PDB file of N, CA and C in Angstrom:
ATOM      1  N   MET A   1      24.205  66.171  90.611  1.00  0.00           N
ATOM      2  CA  MET A   1      22.758  66.043  90.675  1.00  0.00           C
ATOM      3  C   MET A   1      22.000  65.042  91.151  1.00  0.00           C
ATOM      4  N   ALA A   2      20.654  64.519  90.089  1.00  0.00           N
ATOM      5  CA  ALA A   2      20.109  63.086  90.466  1.00  0.00           C
ATOM      6  C   ALA A   2      21.116  62.176  89.718  1.00  0.00           C
ATOM      7  N   LYS A   3      21.039  60.931  90.425  1.00  0.00           N
ATOM      8  CA  LYS A   3      22.006  59.391  90.347  1.00  0.00           C
ATOM      9  C   LYS A   3      20.669  58.805  89.469  1.00  0.00           C
ATOM     10  N   SER A   4      21.272  57.739  89.422  1.00  0.00           N
ATOM     11  CA  SER A   4      20.476  56.303  88.247  1.00  0.00           C
ATOM     12  C   SER A   4      19.097  56.447  88.964  1.00  0.00           C
ATOM     13  N   ALA A   5      18.488  56.134  88.240  1.00  0.00           N
ATOM     14  CA  ALA A   5      17.106  55.818  88.363  1.00  0.00           C
ATOM     15  C   ALA A   5      16.442  54.470  89.442  1.00  0.00           C
ATOM     16  N   GLU A   6      17.622  53.857  89.217  1.00  0.00           N
ATOM     17  CA  GLU A   6      17.664  52.395  90.028  1.00  0.00           C
ATOM     18  C   GLU A   6      18.215  52.911  91.601  1.00  0.00           C
ATOM     19  N   LEU A   7      17.336  51.814  92.384  1.00  0.00           N
ATOM     20  CA  LEU A   7      17.133  52.101  93.955  1.00  0.00           C
ATOM     21  C   LEU A   7      18.105  51.410  94.372  1.00  0.00           C
ATOM     22  N   PRO A   8      18.782  51.971  95.414  1.00  0.00           N
ATOM     23  CA  PRO A   8      19.875  51.202  96.344  1.00  0.00           C
ATOM     24  C   PRO A   8      19.089  49.847  96.830  1.00  0.00           C
ATOM     25  N   LYS A   9      20.270  48.986  96.879  1.00  0.00           N
ATOM     26  CA  LYS A   9      19.949  47.473  97.347  1.00  0.00           C
ATOM     27  C   LYS A   9      19.189  47.509  98.797  1.00  0.00           C
ATOM     28  N   THR A  10      20.072  48.295  99.531  1.00  0.00           N
ATOM     29  CA  THR A  10      19.889  48.065 100.934  1.00  0.00           C
ATOM     30  C   THR A  10      19.426  49.234 101.422  1.00  0.00           C
ATOM     31  N   PHE A  11      18.556  48.789 102.480  1.00  0.00           N
ATOM     32  CA  PHE A  11      17.722  50.302 103.342  1.00  0.00           C
ATOM     33  C   PHE A  11      18.970  51.098 103.910  1.00  0.00           C
ATOM     34  N   GLU A  12      19.767  50.744 104.322  1.00  0.00           N
ATOM     35  CA  GLU A  12      20.755  51.654 104.909  1.00  0.00           C
ATOM     36  C   GLU A  12      21.360  52.663 103.606  1.00  0.00           C
ATOM     37  N   SER A  13      21.372  51.658 102.312  1.00  0.00           N
ATOM     38  CA  SER A  13      21.898  52.684 101.297  1.00  0.00           C
ATOM     39  C   SER A  13      20.830  53.709 100.782  1.00  0.00           C
ATOM     40  N   SER A  14      19.719  53.211 100.923  1.00  0.00           N
ATOM     41  CA  SER A  14      18.273  54.101 100.626  1.00  0.00           C
ATOM     42  C   SER A  14      18.514  55.626 101.600  1.00  0.00           C
ATOM     43  N   ILE A  15      18.648  55.047 102.699  1.00  0.00           N
ATOM     44  CA  ILE A  15      18.546  56.396 103.921  1.00  0.00           C
ATOM     45  C   ILE A  15      19.635  57.290 103.483  1.00  0.00           C
ATOM     46  N   GLU A  16      20.675  56.739 103.160  1.00  0.00           N
ATOM     47  CA  GLU A  16      22.119  57.802 102.896  1.00  0.00           C
ATOM     48  C   GLU A  16      21.633  58.348 101.676  1.00  0.00           C
ATOM     49  N   ARG A  17      21.013  57.913 100.766  1.00  0.00           N
ATOM     50  CA  ARG A  17      20.660  58.774  99.518  1.00  0.00           C
ATOM     51  C   ARG A  17      19.509  59.521  99.698  1.00  0.00           C
ATOM     52  N   LEU A  18      18.504  59.494 100.869  1.00  0.00           N
ATOM     53  CA  LEU A  18      17.154  60.191 100.971  1.00  0.00           C
ATOM     54  C   LEU A  18      17.991  61.280 101.654  1.00  0.00           C
ATOM     55  N   ASN A  19      18.918  60.977 102.465  1.00  0.00           N
ATOM     56  CA  ASN A  19      20.002  62.011 103.417  1.00  0.00           C
ATOM     57  C   ASN A  19      20.733  62.726 102.162  1.00  0.00           C
ATOM     58  N   GLU A  20      21.334  62.370 100.988  1.00  0.00           N
ATOM     59  CA  GLU A  20      21.804  63.437 100.083  1.00  0.00           C
ATOM     60  C   GLU A  20      20.649  64.138  99.236  1.00  0.00           C
ATOM     61  N   ILE A  21      19.562  63.536  99.220  1.00  0.00           N
ATOM     62  CA  ILE A  21      18.672  64.116  98.426  1.00  0.00           C
ATOM     63  C   ILE A  21      18.161  65.331  99.244  1.00  0.00           C
ATOM     64  N   ILE A  22      17.873  65.065 100.598  1.00  0.00           N
ATOM     65  CA  ILE A  22      17.676  66.375 101.616  1.00  0.00           C
ATOM     66  C   ILE A  22      18.541  67.571 100.994  1.00  0.00           C
ATOM     67  N   ARG A  23      19.717  67.020 101.525  1.00  0.00           N
ATOM     68  CA  ARG A  23      20.738  68.332 101.655  1.00  0.00           C
ATOM     69  C   ARG A  23      20.807  69.044  99.747  1.00  0.00           C
ATOM     70  N   GLU A  24      20.674  68.289  98.974  1.00  0.00           N
ATOM     71  CA  GLU A  24      20.777  68.841  97.609  1.00  0.00           C
ATOM     72  C   GLU A  24      19.444  69.940  97.772  1.00  0.00           C
ATOM     73  N   LEU A  25      18.279  69.427  97.973  1.00  0.00           N
ATOM     74  CA  LEU A  25      16.968  70.301  97.751  1.00  0.00           C
ATOM     75  C   LEU A  25      16.979  71.128  99.114  1.00  0.00           C
ATOM     76  N   GLU A  26      17.585  71.388 100.128  1.00  0.00           N
ATOM     77  CA  GLU A  26      17.823  72.312 100.940  1.00  0.00           C
ATOM     78  C   GLU A  26      18.707  73.409 100.753  1.00  0.00           C
ATOM     79  N   ALA A  27      19.875  72.646  99.833  1.00  0.00           N
ATOM     80  CA  ALA A  27      20.854  73.972  99.311  1.00  0.00           C
ATOM     81  C   ALA A  27      20.472  75.086  98.392  1.00  0.00           C
ATOM     82  N   GLY A  28      19.062  74.286  97.683  1.00  0.00           N
ATOM     83  CA  GLY A  28      18.725  75.096  96.446  1.00  0.00           C
ATOM     84  C   GLY A  28      19.135  75.745  95.366  1.00  0.00           C
ATOM     85  N   ASN A  29      20.080  75.026  95.264  1.00  0.00           N
ATOM     86  CA  ASN A  29      20.781  75.683  93.856  1.00  0.00           C
ATOM     87  C   ASN A  29      20.943  74.931  92.751  1.00  0.00           C
ATOM     88  N   ILE A  30      20.243  73.959  92.499  1.00  0.00           N
ATOM     89  CA  ILE A  30      19.678  73.211  91.309  1.00  0.00           C
ATOM     90  C   ILE A  30      18.723  73.881  90.530  1.00  0.00           C
ATOM     91  N   PRO A  31      18.698  73.144  89.462  1.00  0.00           N
ATOM     92  CA  PRO A  31      17.321  73.967  88.443  1.00  0.00           C
ATOM     93  C   PRO A  31      16.162  73.019  88.761  1.00  0.00           C
ATOM     94  N   LEU A  32      15.205  73.633  88.494  1.00  0.00           N
ATOM     95  CA  LEU A  32      13.586  72.893  88.656  1.00  0.00           C
ATOM     96  C   LEU A  32      13.615  71.890  88.503  1.00  0.00           C
ATOM     97  N   ASP A  33      14.023  71.243  86.768  1.00  0.00           N
ATOM     98  CA  ASP A  33      13.693  70.379  86.428  1.00  0.00           C
ATOM     99  C   ASP A  33      14.739  69.147  86.843  1.00  0.00           C
ATOM    100  N   ASP A  34      15.859  69.272  87.540  1.00  0.00           N
ATOM    101  CA  ASP A  34      16.618  68.360  88.676  1.00  0.00           C
ATOM    102  C   ASP A  34      16.112  68.278  89.642  1.00  0.00           C
ATOM    103  N   THR A  35      15.658  69.037  90.510  1.00  0.00           N
ATOM    104  CA  THR A  35      14.635  69.415  91.780  1.00  0.00           C
ATOM    105  C   THR A  35      13.490  68.176  91.589  1.00  0.00           C
ATOM    106  N   LEU A  36      12.767  68.547  90.628  1.00  0.00           N
ATOM    107  CA  LEU A  36      11.827  67.527  90.288  1.00  0.00           C
ATOM    108  C   LEU A  36      11.927  65.855  90.225  1.00  0.00           C
ATOM    109  N   LYS A  37      13.151  65.921  89.538  1.00  0.00           N
ATOM    110  CA  LYS A  37      13.748  64.631  89.407  1.00  0.00           C
ATOM    111  C   LYS A  37      14.315  64.047  90.715  1.00  0.00           C
ATOM    112  N   ILE A  38      15.043  64.877  91.361  1.00  0.00           N
ATOM    113  CA  ILE A  38      15.573  64.109  92.763  1.00  0.00           C
ATOM    114  C   ILE A  38      14.185  64.239  94.063  1.00  0.00           C
ATOM    115  N   PHE A  39      13.262  64.662  93.742  1.00  0.00           N
ATOM    116  CA  PHE A  39      12.097  64.886  94.602  1.00  0.00           C
ATOM    117  C   PHE A  39      11.456  63.506  94.317  1.00  0.00           C
ATOM    118  N   GLU A  40      11.248  63.548  93.317  1.00  0.00           N
ATOM    119  CA  GLU A  40      10.621  61.713  92.607  1.00  0.00           C
ATOM    120  C   GLU A  40      11.543  60.573  93.467  1.00  0.00           C
ATOM    121  N   GLU A  41      12.517  61.158  92.881  1.00  0.00           N
ATOM    122  CA  GLU A  41      13.637  59.744  93.586  1.00  0.00           C
ATOM    123  C   GLU A  41      13.397  59.545  94.909  1.00  0.00           C
ATOM    124  N   GLY A  42      13.149  60.830  95.537  1.00  0.00           N
ATOM    125  CA  GLY A  42      13.027  60.451  97.230  1.00  0.00           C
ATOM    126  C   GLY A  42      11.852  60.210  97.562  1.00  0.00           C
ATOM    127  N   ILE A  43      10.603  60.359  96.657  1.00  0.00           N
ATOM    128  CA  ILE A  43       9.804  59.617  97.061  1.00  0.00           C
ATOM    129  C   ILE A  43       9.469  58.164  96.576  1.00  0.00           C
ATOM    130  N   ARG A  44      10.074  57.711  95.572  1.00  0.00           N
ATOM    131  CA  ARG A  44      10.228  56.316  95.312  1.00  0.00           C
ATOM    132  C   ARG A  44      11.114  55.454  96.404  1.00  0.00           C
ATOM    133  N   LEU A  45      12.381  56.219  96.877  1.00  0.00           N
ATOM    134  CA  LEU A  45      12.896  55.959  97.909  1.00  0.00           C
ATOM    135  C   LEU A  45      12.446  55.751  99.265  1.00  0.00           C
ATOM    136  N   THR A  46      11.760  56.499  99.823  1.00  0.00           N
ATOM    137  CA  THR A  46      10.671  56.621 100.684  1.00  0.00           C
ATOM    138  C   THR A  46       9.605  55.394 100.425  1.00  0.00           C
ATOM    139  N   GLN A  47       8.934  55.174  99.613  1.00  0.00           N
ATOM    140  CA  GLN A  47       8.090  54.190  99.383  1.00  0.00           C
ATOM    141  C   GLN A  47       9.239  52.662  99.556  1.00  0.00           C
ATOM    142  N   ALA A  48      10.426  52.682  99.132  1.00  0.00           N
ATOM    143  CA  ALA A  48      10.966  51.602  99.010  1.00  0.00           C
ATOM    144  C   ALA A  48      10.982  51.308 100.606  1.00  0.00           C
ATOM    145  N   CYS A  49      11.308  52.099 101.010  1.00  0.00           N
ATOM    146  CA  CYS A  49      12.001  52.139 102.710  1.00  0.00           C
ATOM    147  C   CYS A  49      10.823  51.530 103.567  1.00  0.00           C
ATOM    148  N   ARG A  50       9.556  51.739 103.206  1.00  0.00           N
ATOM    149  CA  ARG A  50       8.658  51.855 103.901  1.00  0.00           C
ATOM    150  C   ARG A  50       8.168  50.083 103.518  1.00  0.00           C
ATOM    151  N   ILE A  51       8.156  49.915 102.709  1.00  0.00           N
ATOM    152  CA  ILE A  51       7.682  48.473 102.189  1.00  0.00           C
ATOM    153  C   ILE A  51       9.004  47.709 102.873  1.00  0.00           C
ATOM    154  N   GLN A  52      10.187  47.877 102.643  1.00  0.00           N
ATOM    155  CA  GLN A  52      11.241  46.744 103.569  1.00  0.00           C
ATOM    156  C   GLN A  52      10.961  47.088 105.304  1.00  0.00           C
ATOM    157  N   LEU A  53      10.536  48.126 105.984  1.00  0.00           N
ATOM    158  CA  LEU A  53      10.306  47.991 107.192  1.00  0.00           C
ATOM    159  C   LEU A  53       8.762  47.101 107.268  1.00  0.00           C
ATOM    160  N   THR A  54       7.935  47.454 106.946  1.00  0.00           N
ATOM    161  CA  THR A  54       6.538  46.656 106.940  1.00  0.00           C
ATOM    162  C   THR A  54       7.478  44.733 106.670  1.00  0.00           C
ATOM    163  N   GLU A  55       7.795  44.637 105.835  1.00  0.00           N
ATOM    164  CA  GLU A  55       8.259  43.214 105.647  1.00  0.00           C
ATOM    165  C   GLU A  55       9.486  42.882 106.700  1.00  0.00           C
ATOM    166  N   ALA A  56      10.020  43.591 107.370  1.00  0.00           N
ATOM    167  CA  ALA A  56      10.972  43.190 108.524  1.00  0.00           C
ATOM    168  C   ALA A  56      10.087  43.233 109.681  1.00  0.00           C
ATOM    169  N   GLU A  57       8.870  43.735 109.770  1.00  0.00           N
ATOM    170  CA  GLU A  57       8.176  44.096 111.071  1.00  0.00           C
ATOM    171  C   GLU A  57       7.454  42.841 110.778  1.00  0.00           C
ATOM    172  N   GLU A  58       6.840  42.291 109.795  1.00  0.00           N
ATOM    173  CA  GLU A  58       6.149  41.162 109.699  1.00  0.00           C
ATOM    174  C   GLU A  58       7.224  39.645 109.777  1.00  0.00           C
ATOM    175  N   LYS A  59       8.478  39.773 109.524  1.00  0.00           N
ATOM    176  CA  LYS A  59       9.129  38.769 109.546  1.00  0.00           C
ATOM    177  C   LYS A  59       9.748  38.916 111.208  1.00  0.00           C
ATOM    178  N   VAL A  60       9.616  39.518 111.698  1.00  0.00           N
ATOM    179  CA  VAL A  60       9.934  39.771 113.411  1.00  0.00           C
ATOM    180  C   VAL A  60       8.749  39.056 113.782  1.00  0.00           C
ATOM    181  N   LYS A  61       7.445  39.638 113.523  1.00  0.00           N
ATOM    182  CA  LYS A  61       6.387  39.012 113.975  1.00  0.00           C
ATOM    183  C   LYS A  61       6.147  37.503 114.080  1.00  0.00           C
ATOM    184  N   THR A  62       6.861  37.041 113.060  1.00  0.00           N
ATOM    185  CA  THR A  62       6.251  35.644 112.985  1.00  0.00           C
ATOM    186  C   THR A  62       7.611  34.829 113.465  1.00  0.00           C
ATOM    187  N   LEU A  63       8.675  35.266 113.592  1.00  0.00           N
ATOM    188  CA  LEU A  63       9.889  34.858 114.405  1.00  0.00           C
ATOM    189  C   LEU A  63       9.366  34.862 116.128  1.00  0.00           C
ATOM    190  N   ILE A  64       8.724  35.793 116.234  1.00  0.00           N
ATOM    191  CA  ILE A  64       8.372  36.209 117.617  1.00  0.00           C
ATOM    192  C   ILE A  64       7.234  34.817 118.236  1.00  0.00           C
ATOM    193  N   SER A  65       6.420  34.921 117.211  1.00  0.00           N
ATOM    194  CA  SER A  65       5.056  33.985 117.435  1.00  0.00           C
ATOM    195  C   SER A  65       5.270  32.381 116.988  1.00  0.00           C
ATOM    196  N   THR A  66       6.687  31.945 116.294  1.00  0.00           N
ATOM    197  CA  THR A  66       7.243  30.813 116.450  1.00  0.00           C
ATOM    198  C   THR A  66       7.649  30.089 117.093  1.00  0.00           C
ATOM    199  N   HIS A  67       8.665  30.974 118.219  1.00  0.00           N
ATOM    200  CA  HIS A  67       9.423  30.787 119.176  1.00  0.00           C
ATOM    201  C   HIS A  67       8.843  30.476 120.596  1.00  0.00           C
ATOM    202  N   GLN A  68       9.125  29.495 121.343  1.00  0.00           N
ATOM    203  CA  GLN A  68       8.467  29.221 122.602  1.00  0.00           C
ATOM    204  C   GLN A  68       8.810  30.099 123.464  1.00  0.00           C
ATOM    205  N   GLY A  69       8.031  30.737 124.246  1.00  0.00           N
ATOM    206  CA  GLY A  69       8.451  31.466 125.187  1.00  0.00           C
ATOM    207  C   GLY A  69       8.279  32.880 125.007  1.00  0.00           C
ATOM    208  N   PHE A  70       8.361  33.101 123.937  1.00  0.00           N
ATOM    209  CA  PHE A  70       8.176  34.602 123.263  1.00  0.00           C
ATOM    210  C   PHE A  70       6.742  34.703 123.022  1.00  0.00           C
ATOM    211  N   GLU A  71       6.322  35.927 123.615  1.00  0.00           N
ATOM    212  CA  GLU A  71       5.038  36.519 123.262  1.00  0.00           C
ATOM    213  C   GLU A  71       4.990  37.878 122.268  1.00  0.00           C
ATOM    214  N   GLU A  72       4.134  38.011 121.719  1.00  0.00           N
ATOM    215  CA  GLU A  72       4.156  39.793 120.876  1.00  0.00           C
ATOM    216  C   GLU A  72       3.568  40.452 121.844  1.00  0.00           C
ATOM    217  N   LYS A  73       4.117  41.494 122.304  1.00  0.00           N
ATOM    218  CA  LYS A  73       3.691  42.374 123.269  1.00  0.00           C
ATOM    219  C   LYS A  73       3.018  43.735 122.320  1.00  0.00           C
ATOM    220  N   PRO A  74       1.500  44.147 122.592  1.00  0.00           N
ATOM    221  CA  PRO A  74       0.866  44.946 121.562  1.00  0.00           C
ATOM    222  C   PRO A  74       1.760  46.633 122.148  1.00  0.00           C
ATOM    223  N   GLY A  75       2.181  47.107 120.806  1.00  0.00           N
ATOM    224  CA  GLY A  75       2.634  48.315 120.767  1.00  0.00           C
ATOM    225  C   GLY A  75       4.261  48.507 121.005  1.00  0.00           C
ATOM    226  N   VAL A  76       4.578  47.244 120.699  1.00  0.00           N
ATOM    227  CA  VAL A  76       5.995  47.114 120.619  1.00  0.00           C
ATOM    228  C   VAL A  76       6.793  46.869 119.391  1.00  0.00           C
TER     229      VAL A  76
END
């Protein structure tokens, strides 16, 4: 059921674990306490992914703005 409280190191690993959590929750055959634990893990993973995506977006914006010939396009 619930795995270690330590979050995966990569974005891809986090997404993979989130998919596992979704399958476990949808199956609905785990005790309530375990359900709450993996749901909480899913929330932490979601927050970690959101932070990683924001950091990646900022890095891309910085790279684009510091290289000649490239312009940031709104909405892209």
